[in-house]
């Protein structure tokens, strides 16, 4: 489905707050197989809100509106929607009762918060139990979702309510489209484009390429019609993409690399341990962001200084002095010694120079060694990553996880 995102708030148009909510929504919608026609950021001006909303409804399959749903005088989204779409404000008893129960015994007045319970006519609340409930309107057969502008609140409603609604809407209203997003790592965008260029010439098939940090996400859309069944075309294109990109595809849809690695570890009854230096805990953070990771993640050590490498990982002082902390022998030792200390069969380590300072002629910024211990064998691989400090750290973390993934796929 094709959608449009409208973010509302003077704090956004003035630059006081970055519009991260729209970016998050766009990423999640794309991962779910949807295309974004346009993204807008407008101030708290009712006329502009109404104009943008009516224009979006007329040209896309769904609309996401964020911001302006609060209780203060400058939160004008609901009023603007009611006016623009001719949907008079209606008191939502469910939200009103929630407000009353929350204020009971606090001594606070209800009147200021009652504004939250007045929604445009026909509004369907997404989740009255959330701090900001959000709601959906169907106007001229187009679903319009209204979410809070606060990223954490919008995230919950988008993932738990909006995406499932869109999936059901698509299934019930359009049987002629098939969409899939492939998540790849280890190939540049131009090489993926070269390998898939033949598909772009086929009728009814559309391929999109979207670099995301160290990854490239590839979208496949097959559009049929009442006379053309998209399923055979989709299966053929899917097979072509998988053959062309092979193991560089680590997942589809909303898979993350950490999630995929976790599933492989669980399948093989393994627990991973991580020894980090230049990434400063990023790999562990990516892993523990996956629910249930305690089943396959033993833990990690952030041994940033040479002293901690010696004390926590039992790295020989002479090895560090002779080769330097950023070296293959030290990367191997970090992985192997950590595995030995905790009795792990599989361990990964990273040590490198993330910059912007610290590089030398022999070891420039971006020099990274990844050590890998698995089934009593240890190895190291040298990489030369490009980018700023955060980009190099992200590339290192993703590459380390991909090292584990590829080893497990070979079992």
Protein backbone atom coordinates (compact mmCIF):
# COMPACT_ATOMS: atom_id res chain seq x y z
CA UNK A 1 0.00 0.00 0.00
CA UNK A 2 1.06 3.59 -0.61
CA UNK A 3 0.89 6.00 2.30
CA UNK A 4 1.65 9.54 3.37
CA UNK A 5 3.00 10.82 6.69
CA UNK A 6 2.06 14.21 8.13
CA UNK A 7 3.89 15.45 11.24
CA UNK A 8 2.33 18.36 13.12
CA UNK A 9 3.92 20.77 15.58
CA UNK A 10 5.47 24.23 15.80
CA UNK A 11 8.32 22.65 17.75
CA UNK A 12 9.17 20.66 14.61
CA UNK A 13 8.94 23.49 12.08
CA UNK A 14 11.04 25.76 14.32
CA UNK A 15 13.76 23.13 14.65
CA UNK A 16 13.49 22.99 18.44
CA UNK A 17 12.82 19.26 18.26
CA UNK A 18 13.98 16.83 15.57
CA UNK A 19 11.21 14.97 13.75
CA UNK A 20 12.31 11.44 14.65
CA UNK A 21 8.73 10.13 14.79
CA UNK A 22 8.19 10.41 11.02
CA UNK A 23 11.54 8.76 10.33
CA UNK A 24 10.68 5.88 12.64
CA UNK A 25 7.24 5.46 11.08
CA UNK A 26 8.67 5.50 7.55
CA UNK A 27 11.25 2.82 8.41
CA UNK A 28 8.68 0.52 10.01
CA UNK A 29 6.15 0.99 7.22
CA UNK A 30 8.76 0.30 4.58
CA UNK A 31 9.92 -2.82 6.42
CA UNK A 32 6.31 -4.01 6.41
CA UNK A 33 6.19 -3.65 2.63
CA UNK A 34 4.50 -0.26 2.26
CA UNK A 35 5.64 2.67 0.14
CA UNK A 36 5.66 6.29 1.33
CA UNK A 37 4.49 8.76 -1.31
CA UNK A 38 5.34 11.88 0.70
CA UNK A 39 6.28 13.14 4.17
CA UNK A 40 5.29 16.59 5.45
CA UNK A 41 6.10 18.62 8.54
CA UNK A 42 3.68 21.48 9.27
CA UNK A 43 3.02 23.79 12.19
CA UNK A 44 0.03 23.94 14.52
CA UNK A 45 -2.09 25.82 11.98
CA UNK A 46 -5.60 24.36 11.51
CA UNK A 47 -5.99 25.50 7.90
CA UNK A 48 -2.66 23.92 6.88
CA UNK A 49 -3.46 20.71 8.78
CA UNK A 50 -6.82 20.38 7.05
CA UNK A 51 -5.40 21.18 3.63
CA UNK A 52 -2.58 18.64 3.95
CA UNK A 53 -4.94 15.97 5.25
CA UNK A 54 -7.52 16.34 2.47
CA UNK A 55 -4.83 16.34 -0.20
CA UNK A 56 -3.26 13.17 1.22
CA UNK A 57 -6.59 11.33 1.46
CA UNK A 58 -7.26 12.05 -2.19
CA UNK A 59 -4.08 10.43 -3.51
CA UNK A 60 -2.83 7.59 -1.27
CA UNK A 61 -4.10 4.35 0.29
CA UNK A 62 -3.52 5.37 3.91
CA UNK A 63 -2.36 8.36 5.95
CA UNK A 64 -0.38 8.59 9.19
CA UNK A 65 -0.73 11.85 11.17
CA UNK A 66 1.48 12.45 14.21
CA UNK A 67 1.40 15.21 16.82
CA UNK A 68 -1.06 17.76 18.12
CA UNK A 69 -3.18 15.34 20.15
CA UNK A 70 -2.33 16.67 23.62
CA UNK A 71 -4.33 18.69 26.13
CA UNK A 72 -2.70 22.11 25.74
CA UNK A 73 -4.09 25.04 23.76
CA UNK A 74 -1.59 24.61 20.93
CA UNK A 75 -2.64 20.99 20.27
CA UNK A 76 -5.05 21.62 17.41
CA UNK A 77 -5.06 18.44 15.32
CA UNK A 78 -8.45 17.16 16.46
CA UNK A 79 -10.12 20.53 15.92
CA UNK A 80 -8.54 20.87 12.47
CA UNK A 81 -9.66 17.36 11.47
CA UNK A 82 -13.20 17.95 12.69
CA UNK A 83 -13.43 21.14 10.61
CA UNK A 84 -11.67 19.90 7.45
CA UNK A 85 -13.52 16.57 7.20
CA UNK A 86 -16.84 17.82 8.54
CA UNK A 87 -16.75 15.47 11.51
CA UNK A 88 -18.05 17.30 14.60
CA UNK A 89 -16.16 16.70 17.89
CA UNK A 90 -17.74 13.83 19.84
CA UNK A 91 -17.11 12.91 23.46
CA UNK A 92 -15.43 9.51 23.79
CA UNK A 93 -16.70 8.03 27.04
CA UNK A 94 -13.97 5.38 27.20
CA UNK A 95 -11.18 7.95 27.24
CA UNK A 96 -13.12 10.23 29.59
CA UNK A 97 -13.52 7.39 32.08
CA UNK A 98 -9.80 6.66 31.86
CA UNK A 99 -9.03 10.31 32.66
CA UNK A 100 -11.38 10.24 35.63
CA UNK A 101 -9.85 7.07 37.06
CA UNK A 102 -6.32 8.42 36.70
CA UNK A 103 -7.19 11.70 38.43
CA UNK A 104 -9.16 10.13 41.26
CA UNK A 105 -7.57 11.00 44.57
CA UNK A 106 -4.93 13.29 43.04
CA UNK A 107 -6.78 16.56 43.59
CA UNK A 108 -6.16 17.59 39.99
CA UNK A 109 -8.92 19.11 37.90
CA UNK A 110 -10.46 17.09 35.10
CA UNK A 111 -11.44 19.99 32.85
CA UNK A 112 -7.99 20.60 31.35
CA UNK A 113 -7.64 16.96 30.30
CA UNK A 114 -11.18 16.57 29.00
CA UNK A 115 -9.91 17.88 25.68
CA UNK A 116 -8.27 14.48 25.12
CA UNK A 117 -11.70 12.80 25.11
CA UNK A 118 -13.20 14.98 22.35
CA UNK A 119 -12.47 13.25 19.03
CA UNK A 120 -13.79 13.80 15.50
CA UNK A 121 -17.00 11.96 14.74
CA UNK A 122 -16.37 8.35 13.68
CA UNK A 123 -13.01 8.08 15.42
CA UNK A 124 -12.06 4.57 16.55
CA UNK A 125 -9.67 4.56 19.51
CA UNK A 126 -6.58 2.42 18.95
CA UNK A 127 -5.78 1.68 22.59
CA UNK A 128 -7.53 3.48 25.43
CA UNK A 129 -5.07 1.95 27.87
CA UNK A 130 -2.11 3.91 26.51
CA UNK A 131 -1.13 7.32 27.83
CA UNK A 132 -2.06 8.74 24.43
CA UNK A 133 -4.70 6.46 22.94
CA UNK A 134 -4.47 7.45 19.27
CA UNK A 135 -7.31 6.79 16.89
CA UNK A 136 -8.29 5.83 13.34
CA UNK A 137 -10.77 7.41 10.95
CA UNK A 138 -11.95 5.94 7.68
CA UNK A 139 -12.68 8.84 5.36
CA UNK A 140 -13.68 8.26 1.75
CA UNK A 141 -12.59 4.62 2.15
CA UNK A 142 -9.09 5.71 3.23
CA UNK A 143 -7.82 4.76 6.72
CA UNK A 144 -6.23 7.70 8.54
CA UNK A 145 -4.27 6.99 11.72
CA UNK A 146 -3.66 9.73 14.31
CA UNK A 147 -0.70 9.08 16.61
CA UNK A 148 1.01 11.13 19.33
CA UNK A 149 4.13 13.01 18.36
CA UNK A 150 6.19 11.58 21.24
CA UNK A 151 8.36 8.85 19.62
CA UNK A 152 7.98 6.29 22.43
CA UNK A 153 4.19 6.62 22.45
CA UNK A 154 3.89 6.56 18.67
CA UNK A 155 6.14 3.51 18.42
CA UNK A 156 3.86 1.36 20.57
CA UNK A 157 0.71 2.28 18.67
CA UNK A 158 2.34 1.97 15.25
CA UNK A 159 3.79 -1.49 15.89
CA UNK A 160 0.94 -2.98 17.89
CA UNK A 161 -2.07 -1.44 16.17
CA UNK A 162 -1.40 0.44 12.93
CA UNK A 163 0.70 -2.17 11.11
CA UNK A 164 -1.72 -5.04 11.86
CA UNK A 165 -4.67 -2.88 10.75
CA UNK A 166 -2.93 -2.04 7.48
CA UNK A 167 -2.15 -5.70 6.86
CA UNK A 168 -5.79 -6.68 7.33
CA UNK A 169 -6.91 -3.69 5.26
CA UNK A 170 -4.66 -4.68 2.40
CA UNK A 171 -5.80 -8.30 2.47
CA UNK A 172 -9.47 -7.37 2.47
CA UNK A 173 -9.36 -4.52 -0.05
CA UNK A 174 -6.68 -5.40 -2.57
CA UNK A 175 -5.69 -8.87 -3.69
CA UNK A 176 -3.61 -7.71 -6.62
CA UNK A 177 -0.37 -6.59 -4.89
CA UNK A 178 2.43 -8.66 -3.41
CA UNK A 179 5.22 -6.95 -1.49
CA UNK A 180 8.36 -8.11 0.29
CA UNK A 181 11.39 -6.35 1.76
CA UNK A 182 14.73 -8.18 1.78
CA UNK A 183 17.40 -7.11 4.27
CA UNK A 184 20.93 -7.55 2.99
CA UNK A 185 24.44 -7.06 4.31
CA UNK A 186 27.86 -7.28 2.73
CA UNK A 187 27.07 -5.96 -0.75
CA UNK A 188 27.07 -2.32 -1.91
CA UNK A 189 23.91 -0.89 -3.43
CA UNK A 190 25.37 -0.67 -6.95
CA UNK A 191 26.30 -4.36 -6.93
CA UNK A 192 22.83 -5.38 -5.77
CA UNK A 193 21.38 -3.20 -8.50
CA UNK A 194 23.61 -4.88 -11.08
CA UNK A 195 22.55 -8.34 -10.01
CA UNK A 196 18.86 -7.48 -10.07
CA UNK A 197 18.77 -5.19 -13.10
CA UNK A 198 17.12 -7.86 -15.24
CA UNK A 199 14.08 -7.93 -12.95
CA UNK A 200 13.53 -4.22 -13.46
CA UNK A 201 12.68 -4.85 -17.10
CA UNK A 202 9.78 -7.17 -16.30
CA UNK A 203 6.24 -5.90 -16.53
CA UNK A 204 4.33 -5.55 -13.24
CA UNK A 205 7.56 -5.90 -11.18
CA UNK A 206 9.12 -2.98 -9.29
CA UNK A 207 12.44 -3.15 -7.40
CA UNK A 208 13.57 -0.52 -4.88
CA UNK A 209 16.96 -0.06 -3.20
CA UNK A 210 17.31 1.61 0.21
CA UNK A 211 20.69 1.89 1.99
CA UNK A 212 20.19 1.79 5.78
CA UNK A 213 23.43 2.28 7.71
CA UNK A 214 25.57 -0.78 6.89
CA UNK A 215 22.72 -2.60 5.16
CA UNK A 216 20.80 -2.31 1.92
CA UNK A 217 17.09 -3.09 1.98
CA UNK A 218 15.56 -4.24 -1.29
CA UNK A 219 11.83 -3.98 -1.92
CA UNK A 220 9.94 -6.20 -4.34
CA UNK A 221 6.48 -5.14 -5.49
CA UNK A 222 4.43 -7.16 -7.95
CA UNK A 223 1.24 -5.47 -9.17
CA UNK A 224 -1.37 -7.61 -10.84
CA UNK A 225 -4.94 -6.73 -11.73
CA UNK A 226 -8.31 -8.39 -12.13
CA UNK A 227 -6.95 -10.36 -15.11
CA UNK A 228 -3.38 -11.04 -13.92
CA UNK A 229 -2.67 -13.15 -10.84
CA UNK A 230 0.42 -11.62 -9.15
CA UNK A 231 1.38 -14.83 -7.28
CA UNK A 232 3.32 -16.63 -10.06
CA UNK A 233 5.19 -13.43 -10.93
CA UNK A 234 5.96 -12.83 -7.28
CA UNK A 235 7.29 -16.37 -6.72
CA UNK A 236 9.48 -16.10 -9.82
CA UNK A 237 10.88 -12.70 -8.78
CA UNK A 238 11.42 -13.86 -5.20
CA UNK A 239 13.40 -16.88 -6.44
CA UNK A 240 15.50 -14.66 -8.71
CA UNK A 241 16.35 -12.27 -5.87
CA UNK A 242 17.30 -15.06 -3.48
CA UNK A 243 19.48 -16.73 -6.09
CA UNK A 244 21.18 -13.47 -7.06
CA UNK A 245 21.91 -12.26 -3.53
CA UNK A 246 22.32 -15.57 -1.71
CA UNK A 247 23.59 -15.44 1.86
CA UNK A 248 23.79 -11.65 1.69
CA UNK A 249 20.07 -11.73 2.45
CA UNK A 250 19.86 -12.18 6.20
CA UNK A 251 16.13 -11.64 6.61
CA UNK A 252 12.91 -10.13 5.34
CA UNK A 253 10.29 -7.71 6.61
CA UNK A 254 11.07 -6.50 10.11
CA UNK A 255 13.85 -8.97 10.87
CA UNK A 256 16.97 -7.57 12.50
CA UNK A 257 20.40 -9.12 12.23
CA UNK A 258 20.49 -9.72 15.98
CA UNK A 259 17.11 -11.46 15.84
CA UNK A 260 18.21 -13.73 13.00
CA UNK A 261 21.47 -14.59 14.77
CA UNK A 262 19.52 -15.38 17.92
CA UNK A 263 17.24 -17.82 16.11
CA UNK A 264 20.25 -19.61 14.63
CA UNK A 265 21.96 -19.82 18.02
CA UNK A 266 18.83 -21.25 19.61
CA UNK A 267 18.42 -23.74 16.78
CA UNK A 268 21.95 -25.01 17.46
CA UNK A 269 21.63 -24.81 21.26
CA UNK A 270 24.46 -22.27 21.55
CA UNK A 271 25.07 -19.21 23.71
CA UNK A 272 27.12 -16.36 22.32
CA UNK A 273 29.60 -14.26 24.30
CA UNK A 274 31.00 -10.92 23.13
CA UNK A 275 34.24 -9.08 23.89
CA UNK A 276 34.00 -5.46 22.76
CA UNK A 277 36.53 -2.66 22.60
CA UNK A 278 35.92 -0.04 19.89
CA UNK A 279 32.13 -0.60 19.81
CA UNK A 280 31.80 0.14 23.53
CA UNK A 281 28.87 -2.21 24.17
CA UNK A 282 26.96 -1.61 20.93
CA UNK A 283 26.89 -5.29 19.99
CA UNK A 284 25.53 -6.23 23.39
CA UNK A 285 22.91 -3.48 23.13
CA UNK A 286 21.76 -4.73 19.73
CA UNK A 287 21.49 -8.26 21.07
CA UNK A 288 19.65 -7.41 24.27
CA UNK A 289 17.18 -5.33 22.28
CA UNK A 290 15.76 -8.65 21.08
CA UNK A 291 13.12 -10.10 23.43
CA UNK A 292 14.20 -13.48 24.78
CA UNK A 293 17.90 -12.90 24.04
CA UNK A 294 18.76 -14.31 27.49
CA UNK A 295 18.12 -17.72 25.94
CA UNK A 296 21.08 -17.40 23.60
CA UNK A 297 23.27 -14.55 24.85
CA UNK A 298 25.65 -15.40 27.69
CA UNK A 299 26.86 -11.82 28.09
CA UNK A 300 29.68 -9.52 27.13
CA UNK A 301 32.72 -7.61 28.31
CA UNK A 302 33.58 -4.03 27.35
CA UNK A 303 37.35 -4.13 27.65
CA UNK A 304 38.13 -0.67 26.34
CA UNK A 305 41.51 -0.12 27.95
CA UNK A 306 44.55 -2.36 27.72
CA UNK A 307 44.41 -2.75 31.49
CA UNK A 308 40.92 -4.25 31.35
CA UNK A 309 41.93 -6.48 28.45
CA UNK A 310 44.58 -7.92 30.72
CA UNK A 311 42.47 -8.08 33.90
CA UNK A 312 39.09 -9.20 32.51
CA UNK A 313 40.13 -11.19 29.45
CA UNK A 314 43.54 -12.42 30.62
CA UNK A 315 45.31 -11.02 27.56
CA UNK A 316 49.09 -11.27 27.92
CA UNK A 317 50.79 -7.95 28.55
CA UNK A 318 53.58 -8.85 26.12
CA UNK A 319 51.02 -9.62 23.39
CA UNK A 320 49.47 -6.18 23.76
CA UNK A 321 52.86 -4.49 23.90
CA UNK A 322 54.22 -6.37 20.91
CA UNK A 323 51.26 -6.14 18.52
CA UNK A 324 49.13 -3.31 19.89
CA UNK A 325 45.53 -3.51 21.03
CA UNK A 326 44.31 -3.14 17.43
CA UNK A 327 45.74 -6.27 15.91
CA UNK A 328 44.79 -9.74 14.76
CA UNK A 329 46.56 -11.61 17.59
CA UNK A 330 44.78 -9.49 20.22
CA UNK A 331 41.39 -9.92 18.51
CA UNK A 332 41.89 -13.69 18.51
CA UNK A 333 42.99 -13.69 22.11
CA UNK A 334 39.98 -11.60 23.20
CA UNK A 335 37.54 -14.04 21.65
CA UNK A 336 39.31 -17.20 22.78
CA UNK A 337 40.07 -16.07 26.35
CA UNK A 338 36.50 -14.91 26.95
CA UNK A 339 35.15 -18.24 25.67
CA UNK A 340 37.60 -20.07 27.91
CA UNK A 341 36.68 -18.06 31.00
CA UNK A 342 32.95 -18.71 30.71
CA UNK A 343 33.00 -22.07 28.95
CA UNK A 344 31.38 -20.83 25.73
CA UNK A 345 31.62 -22.65 22.41
CA UNK A 346 31.17 -19.45 20.40
CA UNK A 347 32.53 -15.96 21.01
CA UNK A 348 33.10 -12.82 18.95
CA UNK A 349 35.46 -9.90 19.62
CA UNK A 350 36.10 -6.48 18.09
CA UNK A 351 39.04 -4.11 18.44
CA UNK A 352 39.73 -1.13 16.24
CA UNK A 353 40.09 2.61 15.69
CA UNK A 354 36.71 4.33 15.36
CA UNK A 355 38.15 7.84 15.18
CA UNK A 356 38.12 10.66 14.59
CA UNK A 357 41.58 10.55 16.21
CA UNK A 358 43.95 7.72 17.00
CA UNK A 359 44.80 6.57 13.49
CA UNK A 360 48.31 6.15 12.11
CA UNK A 361 49.75 5.56 8.66
CA UNK A 362 49.85 1.81 9.26
CA UNK A 363 46.56 1.70 11.15
CA UNK A 364 44.30 4.49 9.88
CA UNK A 365 40.91 5.36 11.33
CA UNK A 366 38.50 2.60 10.38
CA UNK A 367 41.00 -0.22 10.96
CA UNK A 368 39.08 -2.97 12.75
CA UNK A 369 39.91 -6.56 13.63
CA UNK A 370 37.13 -9.02 14.38
CA UNK A 371 38.06 -12.17 16.26
CA UNK A 372 35.88 -15.26 16.15
CA UNK A 373 36.10 -18.36 18.34
CA UNK A 374 33.95 -21.36 17.46
CA UNK A 375 34.32 -25.03 18.37
CA UNK A 376 37.90 -24.64 19.64
CA UNK A 377 39.08 -22.79 16.53
CA UNK A 378 39.87 -19.08 16.46
CA UNK A 379 40.41 -16.67 13.58
CA UNK A 380 40.61 -12.96 12.92
CA UNK A 381 39.63 -10.77 9.97
CA UNK A 382 40.89 -7.28 9.16
CA UNK A 383 38.47 -4.63 7.92
CA UNK A 384 38.95 -1.04 6.76
CA UNK A 385 35.63 0.72 7.36
CA UNK A 386 34.79 4.21 6.14
CA UNK A 387 32.69 6.88 7.81
CA UNK A 388 32.48 8.87 11.02
CA UNK A 389 32.85 7.38 14.49
CA UNK A 390 29.24 6.21 14.81
CA UNK A 391 29.19 4.78 11.31
CA UNK A 392 32.39 2.81 11.89
CA UNK A 393 31.05 1.46 15.17
CA UNK A 394 27.77 0.45 13.51
CA UNK A 395 29.58 -1.24 10.62
CA UNK A 396 31.78 -3.11 13.08
CA UNK A 397 28.85 -4.32 15.17
CA UNK A 398 26.81 -5.45 12.16
CA UNK A 399 29.80 -7.20 10.58
CA UNK A 400 30.56 -9.01 13.83
CA UNK A 401 27.01 -10.32 14.07
CA UNK A 402 27.09 -11.28 10.40
CA UNK A 403 30.27 -13.27 11.04
CA UNK A 404 28.35 -15.34 13.58
CA UNK A 405 25.38 -15.72 11.22
CA UNK A 406 27.42 -17.01 8.31
CA UNK A 407 29.26 -19.51 10.50
CA UNK A 408 26.00 -20.91 11.81
CA UNK A 409 24.47 -21.10 8.34
CA UNK A 410 27.38 -23.34 7.31
CA UNK A 411 26.57 -25.96 9.97
